[in-house]
Amino acid sequence: MDIVYINELKVETIIGIFDWEREVKQTVSLDLEMATDIRRAAQTDQIEDTLNYKAVAKRVAVFIEQSEFRLVETMAEQIAEIVQKEFQVPWLRLRLGKPGAVRGARDVGVVIERGVRC
């Protein structure tokens, strides 16, 4: 299986458990690796024959912008579900970070893997 990826997709959203976090948008950062087979696209040179990373990024960004989760864990699970179901991705690794959430750390967050990597 091949990997199509998106690195450091940054999106503004409401995320957090504290009162002030429920009122101010914060940046989340996303890295996404998605298993796919690129051989057909490599032969045809047609976007229809591959996993369209622009379409995935746009769908995920709109979802994040419109969400108001308390936990990055919840957001990560729902993003993974969207990507797997809507884009027929059998396996993915998602890193979802919340920059500046912990003093002294550049970033904190979660890394999840879902599905079976072929």
N, C-alpha and C. Protein backbone atom coordinates (compact mmCIF):
# COMPACT_ATOMS: atom_id res chain seq x y z
N MET A 1 0.84 -1.17 0.00
CA MET A 1 0.00 0.00 0.00
C MET A 1 0.89 1.24 0.00
N ASP A 2 0.44 2.25 -0.69
CA ASP A 2 1.15 3.52 -0.76
C ASP A 2 0.53 4.49 0.24
N ILE A 3 1.18 5.61 0.45
CA ILE A 3 0.71 6.60 1.41
C ILE A 3 0.53 7.94 0.70
N VAL A 4 -0.64 8.52 0.85
CA VAL A 4 -0.89 9.91 0.47
C VAL A 4 -0.96 10.67 1.79
N TYR A 5 -0.28 11.82 1.87
CA TYR A 5 -0.24 12.51 3.15
C TYR A 5 -0.52 14.00 3.04
N ILE A 6 -0.91 14.54 4.17
CA ILE A 6 -1.11 15.98 4.37
C ILE A 6 -0.34 16.32 5.64
N ASN A 7 0.53 17.33 5.59
CA ASN A 7 1.30 17.73 6.76
C ASN A 7 0.99 19.17 7.16
N GLU A 8 0.84 19.35 8.45
CA GLU A 8 0.67 20.65 9.09
C GLU A 8 -0.50 21.47 8.53
N LEU A 9 -1.63 20.81 8.35
CA LEU A 9 -2.85 21.53 8.01
C LEU A 9 -3.29 22.26 9.27
N LYS A 10 -3.35 23.57 9.20
CA LYS A 10 -3.70 24.39 10.36
C LYS A 10 -5.09 24.97 10.18
N VAL A 11 -5.91 24.80 11.22
CA VAL A 11 -7.31 25.22 11.17
C VAL A 11 -7.68 25.89 12.49
N GLU A 12 -8.44 26.96 12.42
CA GLU A 12 -8.93 27.65 13.61
C GLU A 12 -10.28 27.05 14.02
N THR A 13 -10.42 26.80 15.33
CA THR A 13 -11.65 26.19 15.84
C THR A 13 -11.82 26.45 17.33
N ILE A 14 -13.00 26.17 17.82
CA ILE A 14 -13.25 26.14 19.26
C ILE A 14 -12.87 24.76 19.76
N ILE A 15 -11.90 24.71 20.69
CA ILE A 15 -11.46 23.42 21.24
C ILE A 15 -10.95 23.64 22.65
N GLY A 16 -11.41 22.85 23.60
CA GLY A 16 -10.89 22.95 24.95
C GLY A 16 -11.95 22.81 26.02
N ILE A 17 -11.47 22.65 27.25
CA ILE A 17 -12.36 22.40 28.38
C ILE A 17 -12.58 23.63 29.25
N PHE A 18 -11.72 24.63 29.12
CA PHE A 18 -11.83 25.81 29.98
C PHE A 18 -12.80 26.83 29.38
N ASP A 19 -13.42 27.63 30.24
CA ASP A 19 -14.40 28.61 29.79
C ASP A 19 -13.85 29.51 28.69
N TRP A 20 -12.62 30.02 28.87
CA TRP A 20 -12.06 30.92 27.86
C TRP A 20 -11.85 30.22 26.53
N GLU A 21 -11.60 28.90 26.56
CA GLU A 21 -11.40 28.15 25.32
C GLU A 21 -12.71 27.96 24.55
N ARG A 22 -13.81 28.10 25.24
CA ARG A 22 -15.11 27.95 24.59
C ARG A 22 -15.53 29.24 23.90
N GLU A 23 -14.74 30.31 24.09
CA GLU A 23 -15.09 31.62 23.53
C GLU A 23 -14.10 32.10 22.47
N VAL A 24 -12.90 31.54 22.44
CA VAL A 24 -11.84 32.01 21.56
C VAL A 24 -11.38 30.88 20.65
N LYS A 25 -11.34 31.15 19.36
CA LYS A 25 -10.83 30.12 18.44
C LYS A 25 -9.34 29.94 18.64
N GLN A 26 -8.93 28.68 18.56
CA GLN A 26 -7.52 28.31 18.67
C GLN A 26 -7.12 27.53 17.42
N THR A 27 -5.84 27.46 17.18
CA THR A 27 -5.33 26.71 16.04
C THR A 27 -5.08 25.26 16.44
N VAL A 28 -5.54 24.35 15.59
CA VAL A 28 -5.12 22.96 15.69
C VAL A 28 -4.30 22.64 14.44
N SER A 29 -3.39 21.70 14.57
CA SER A 29 -2.52 21.31 13.47
C SER A 29 -2.68 19.82 13.24
N LEU A 30 -2.78 19.44 11.97
CA LEU A 30 -3.09 18.06 11.62
C LEU A 30 -2.07 17.52 10.63
N ASP A 31 -1.58 16.32 10.90
CA ASP A 31 -0.83 15.53 9.93
C ASP A 31 -1.64 14.27 9.68
N LEU A 32 -1.76 13.90 8.43
CA LEU A 32 -2.59 12.76 8.07
C LEU A 32 -1.87 11.92 7.03
N GLU A 33 -1.70 10.63 7.32
CA GLU A 33 -1.18 9.66 6.37
C GLU A 33 -2.31 8.69 6.05
N MET A 34 -2.53 8.47 4.75
CA MET A 34 -3.65 7.63 4.32
C MET A 34 -3.17 6.56 3.35
N ALA A 35 -3.49 5.32 3.64
CA ALA A 35 -3.12 4.21 2.77
C ALA A 35 -3.99 4.22 1.52
N THR A 36 -3.35 4.00 0.39
CA THR A 36 -4.05 3.92 -0.88
C THR A 36 -3.14 3.22 -1.89
N ASP A 37 -3.65 2.96 -3.05
CA ASP A 37 -2.84 2.38 -4.11
C ASP A 37 -2.76 3.40 -5.24
N ILE A 38 -1.59 3.92 -5.50
CA ILE A 38 -1.46 5.00 -6.49
C ILE A 38 -1.12 4.49 -7.90
N ARG A 39 -1.00 3.19 -8.08
CA ARG A 39 -0.54 2.66 -9.37
C ARG A 39 -1.44 3.05 -10.54
N ARG A 40 -2.75 2.97 -10.37
CA ARG A 40 -3.65 3.33 -11.48
C ARG A 40 -3.49 4.81 -11.83
N ALA A 41 -3.44 5.67 -10.83
CA ALA A 41 -3.27 7.10 -11.08
C ALA A 41 -1.93 7.36 -11.77
N ALA A 42 -0.90 6.64 -11.39
CA ALA A 42 0.41 6.81 -12.01
C ALA A 42 0.36 6.44 -13.49
N GLN A 43 -0.46 5.46 -13.83
CA GLN A 43 -0.59 5.04 -15.23
C GLN A 43 -1.44 6.00 -16.04
N THR A 44 -2.56 6.45 -15.46
CA THR A 44 -3.50 7.28 -16.22
C THR A 44 -3.22 8.77 -16.13
N ASP A 45 -2.52 9.18 -15.06
CA ASP A 45 -2.24 10.60 -14.80
C ASP A 45 -3.54 11.40 -14.63
N GLN A 46 -4.55 10.74 -14.06
CA GLN A 46 -5.86 11.37 -13.86
C GLN A 46 -6.20 11.44 -12.37
N ILE A 47 -6.65 12.62 -11.94
CA ILE A 47 -6.99 12.84 -10.53
C ILE A 47 -8.11 11.90 -10.05
N GLU A 48 -8.98 11.51 -10.95
CA GLU A 48 -10.09 10.63 -10.58
C GLU A 48 -9.61 9.25 -10.14
N ASP A 49 -8.38 8.91 -10.47
CA ASP A 49 -7.85 7.59 -10.17
C ASP A 49 -6.97 7.55 -8.93
N THR A 50 -7.03 8.59 -8.13
CA THR A 50 -6.21 8.62 -6.93
C THR A 50 -7.00 9.17 -5.75
N LEU A 51 -6.40 9.13 -4.60
CA LEU A 51 -6.97 9.75 -3.41
C LEU A 51 -6.63 11.23 -3.48
N ASN A 52 -7.63 12.06 -3.64
CA ASN A 52 -7.44 13.49 -3.85
C ASN A 52 -7.18 14.19 -2.52
N TYR A 53 -5.91 14.47 -2.24
CA TYR A 53 -5.54 15.08 -0.95
C TYR A 53 -6.13 16.46 -0.78
N LYS A 54 -6.36 17.19 -1.87
CA LYS A 54 -6.99 18.51 -1.75
C LYS A 54 -8.44 18.36 -1.27
N ALA A 55 -9.16 17.40 -1.81
CA ALA A 55 -10.54 17.17 -1.38
C ALA A 55 -10.59 16.73 0.08
N VAL A 56 -9.66 15.86 0.48
CA VAL A 56 -9.61 15.42 1.87
C VAL A 56 -9.33 16.61 2.78
N ALA A 57 -8.31 17.40 2.45
CA ALA A 57 -7.94 18.56 3.27
C ALA A 57 -9.09 19.54 3.41
N LYS A 58 -9.78 19.81 2.32
CA LYS A 58 -10.91 20.75 2.36
C LYS A 58 -12.03 20.21 3.25
N ARG A 59 -12.35 18.93 3.11
CA ARG A 59 -13.43 18.33 3.91
C ARG A 59 -13.08 18.36 5.39
N VAL A 60 -11.85 18.00 5.71
CA VAL A 60 -11.42 17.97 7.10
C VAL A 60 -11.37 19.39 7.68
N ALA A 61 -10.86 20.35 6.92
CA ALA A 61 -10.77 21.73 7.40
C ALA A 61 -12.15 22.31 7.69
N VAL A 62 -13.10 22.08 6.81
CA VAL A 62 -14.47 22.58 7.03
C VAL A 62 -15.07 21.93 8.27
N PHE A 63 -14.86 20.63 8.43
CA PHE A 63 -15.36 19.93 9.61
C PHE A 63 -14.77 20.53 10.89
N ILE A 64 -13.46 20.71 10.91
CA ILE A 64 -12.81 21.26 12.11
C ILE A 64 -13.30 22.68 12.39
N GLU A 65 -13.37 23.52 11.38
CA GLU A 65 -13.82 24.91 11.55
C GLU A 65 -15.21 24.98 12.17
N GLN A 66 -16.07 24.06 11.80
CA GLN A 66 -17.46 24.08 12.26
C GLN A 66 -17.66 23.35 13.58
N SER A 67 -16.63 22.71 14.08
CA SER A 67 -16.77 21.92 15.31
C SER A 67 -16.51 22.76 16.55
N GLU A 68 -16.93 22.22 17.69
CA GLU A 68 -16.69 22.84 18.99
C GLU A 68 -16.46 21.75 20.03
N PHE A 69 -15.43 20.95 19.83
CA PHE A 69 -15.14 19.85 20.73
C PHE A 69 -14.43 20.33 21.99
N ARG A 70 -14.54 19.56 23.03
CA ARG A 70 -13.81 19.82 24.26
C ARG A 70 -12.44 19.14 24.22
N LEU A 71 -12.37 17.96 23.61
CA LEU A 71 -11.15 17.16 23.62
C LEU A 71 -10.62 16.92 22.21
N VAL A 72 -9.30 16.95 22.05
CA VAL A 72 -8.69 16.62 20.75
C VAL A 72 -8.93 15.14 20.43
N GLU A 73 -9.08 14.31 21.46
CA GLU A 73 -9.34 12.89 21.23
C GLU A 73 -10.65 12.69 20.45
N THR A 74 -11.68 13.42 20.84
CA THR A 74 -12.97 13.32 20.17
C THR A 74 -12.87 13.81 18.74
N MET A 75 -12.21 14.95 18.56
CA MET A 75 -12.03 15.51 17.23
C MET A 75 -11.27 14.53 16.34
N ALA A 76 -10.21 13.95 16.85
CA ALA A 76 -9.39 13.01 16.06
C ALA A 76 -10.21 11.80 15.62
N GLU A 77 -10.98 11.23 16.52
CA GLU A 77 -11.80 10.07 16.17
C GLU A 77 -12.80 10.40 15.07
N GLN A 78 -13.42 11.55 15.16
CA GLN A 78 -14.42 11.91 14.15
C GLN A 78 -13.79 12.23 12.81
N ILE A 79 -12.61 12.85 12.82
CA ILE A 79 -11.90 13.10 11.56
C ILE A 79 -11.54 11.77 10.91
N ALA A 80 -11.02 10.83 11.69
CA ALA A 80 -10.66 9.52 11.15
C ALA A 80 -11.87 8.83 10.54
N GLU A 81 -12.99 8.90 11.20
CA GLU A 81 -14.21 8.28 10.68
C GLU A 81 -14.63 8.90 9.35
N ILE A 82 -14.58 10.21 9.26
CA ILE A 82 -14.93 10.91 8.02
C ILE A 82 -14.02 10.47 6.88
N VAL A 83 -12.72 10.48 7.12
CA VAL A 83 -11.75 10.16 6.07
C VAL A 83 -11.94 8.71 5.62
N GLN A 84 -12.08 7.79 6.56
CA GLN A 84 -12.22 6.39 6.17
C GLN A 84 -13.53 6.14 5.41
N LYS A 85 -14.62 6.70 5.87
CA LYS A 85 -15.91 6.42 5.24
C LYS A 85 -16.09 7.18 3.92
N GLU A 86 -15.79 8.46 3.93
CA GLU A 86 -16.08 9.28 2.75
C GLU A 86 -15.05 9.14 1.63
N PHE A 87 -13.84 8.74 1.97
CA PHE A 87 -12.79 8.64 0.97
C PHE A 87 -12.26 7.21 0.81
N GLN A 88 -12.95 6.24 1.40
CA GLN A 88 -12.63 4.82 1.29
C GLN A 88 -11.15 4.55 1.60
N VAL A 89 -10.70 5.07 2.72
CA VAL A 89 -9.32 4.88 3.16
C VAL A 89 -9.28 3.71 4.15
N PRO A 90 -8.57 2.63 3.82
CA PRO A 90 -8.58 1.45 4.69
C PRO A 90 -7.75 1.61 5.97
N TRP A 91 -6.73 2.48 5.93
CA TRP A 91 -5.86 2.71 7.08
C TRP A 91 -5.41 4.16 7.08
N LEU A 92 -5.30 4.73 8.28
CA LEU A 92 -4.76 6.08 8.38
C LEU A 92 -4.03 6.26 9.70
N ARG A 93 -3.11 7.20 9.68
CA ARG A 93 -2.45 7.67 10.90
C ARG A 93 -2.70 9.18 10.94
N LEU A 94 -3.22 9.62 12.07
CA LEU A 94 -3.59 11.02 12.24
C LEU A 94 -2.90 11.58 13.47
N ARG A 95 -2.20 12.69 13.29
CA ARG A 95 -1.63 13.43 14.41
C ARG A 95 -2.38 14.73 14.49
N LEU A 96 -3.01 14.97 15.63
CA LEU A 96 -3.77 16.19 15.84
C LEU A 96 -3.16 16.93 17.02
N GLY A 97 -2.63 18.10 16.77
CA GLY A 97 -1.94 18.86 17.79
C GLY A 97 -2.65 20.15 18.12
N LYS A 98 -2.41 20.58 19.35
CA LYS A 98 -2.95 21.84 19.84
C LYS A 98 -1.76 22.68 20.31
N PRO A 99 -1.20 23.47 19.38
CA PRO A 99 -0.02 24.27 19.71
C PRO A 99 -0.29 25.24 20.87
N GLY A 100 0.68 25.34 21.75
CA GLY A 100 0.57 26.30 22.85
C GLY A 100 -0.32 25.89 24.00
N ALA A 101 -0.83 24.69 24.00
CA ALA A 101 -1.75 24.26 25.05
C ALA A 101 -1.06 24.04 26.39
N VAL A 102 0.22 23.72 26.34
CA VAL A 102 0.99 23.49 27.57
C VAL A 102 2.20 24.42 27.54
N ARG A 103 2.33 25.20 28.58
CA ARG A 103 3.45 26.13 28.67
C ARG A 103 4.78 25.38 28.57
N GLY A 104 5.65 25.87 27.72
CA GLY A 104 6.95 25.26 27.55
C GLY A 104 6.99 24.20 26.46
N ALA A 105 5.83 23.74 25.99
CA ALA A 105 5.77 22.75 24.91
C ALA A 105 5.32 23.44 23.62
N ARG A 106 5.95 23.09 22.53
CA ARG A 106 5.54 23.66 21.25
C ARG A 106 4.15 23.17 20.86
N ASP A 107 3.85 21.92 21.23
CA ASP A 107 2.63 21.29 20.75
C ASP A 107 2.29 20.11 21.65
N VAL A 108 1.01 19.84 21.82
CA VAL A 108 0.53 18.63 22.48
C VAL A 108 -0.64 18.09 21.68
N GLY A 109 -0.95 16.83 21.85
CA GLY A 109 -2.07 16.28 21.11
C GLY A 109 -2.10 14.77 21.15
N VAL A 110 -2.67 14.19 20.09
CA VAL A 110 -2.80 12.74 20.01
C VAL A 110 -2.35 12.25 18.63
N VAL A 111 -1.93 11.00 18.60
CA VAL A 111 -1.66 10.29 17.35
C VAL A 111 -2.49 9.02 17.40
N ILE A 112 -3.31 8.83 16.36
CA ILE A 112 -4.12 7.61 16.31
C ILE A 112 -3.91 6.92 14.96
N GLU A 113 -4.08 5.62 14.96
CA GLU A 113 -4.09 4.82 13.74
C GLU A 113 -5.40 4.06 13.72
N ARG A 114 -6.03 4.05 12.57
CA ARG A 114 -7.30 3.34 12.44
C ARG A 114 -7.28 2.53 11.15
N GLY A 115 -7.85 1.34 11.22
CA GLY A 115 -7.95 0.48 10.06
C GLY A 115 -6.80 -0.49 9.97
N VAL A 116 -6.74 -1.17 8.84
CA VAL A 116 -5.72 -2.19 8.60
C VAL A 116 -4.84 -1.72 7.46
N ARG A 117 -3.55 -1.66 7.74
CA ARG A 117 -2.59 -1.24 6.71
C ARG A 117 -2.26 -2.45 5.86
N CYS A 118 -2.50 -2.34 4.60
CA CYS A 118 -2.28 -3.46 3.68
C CYS A 118 -0.85 -3.55 3.23
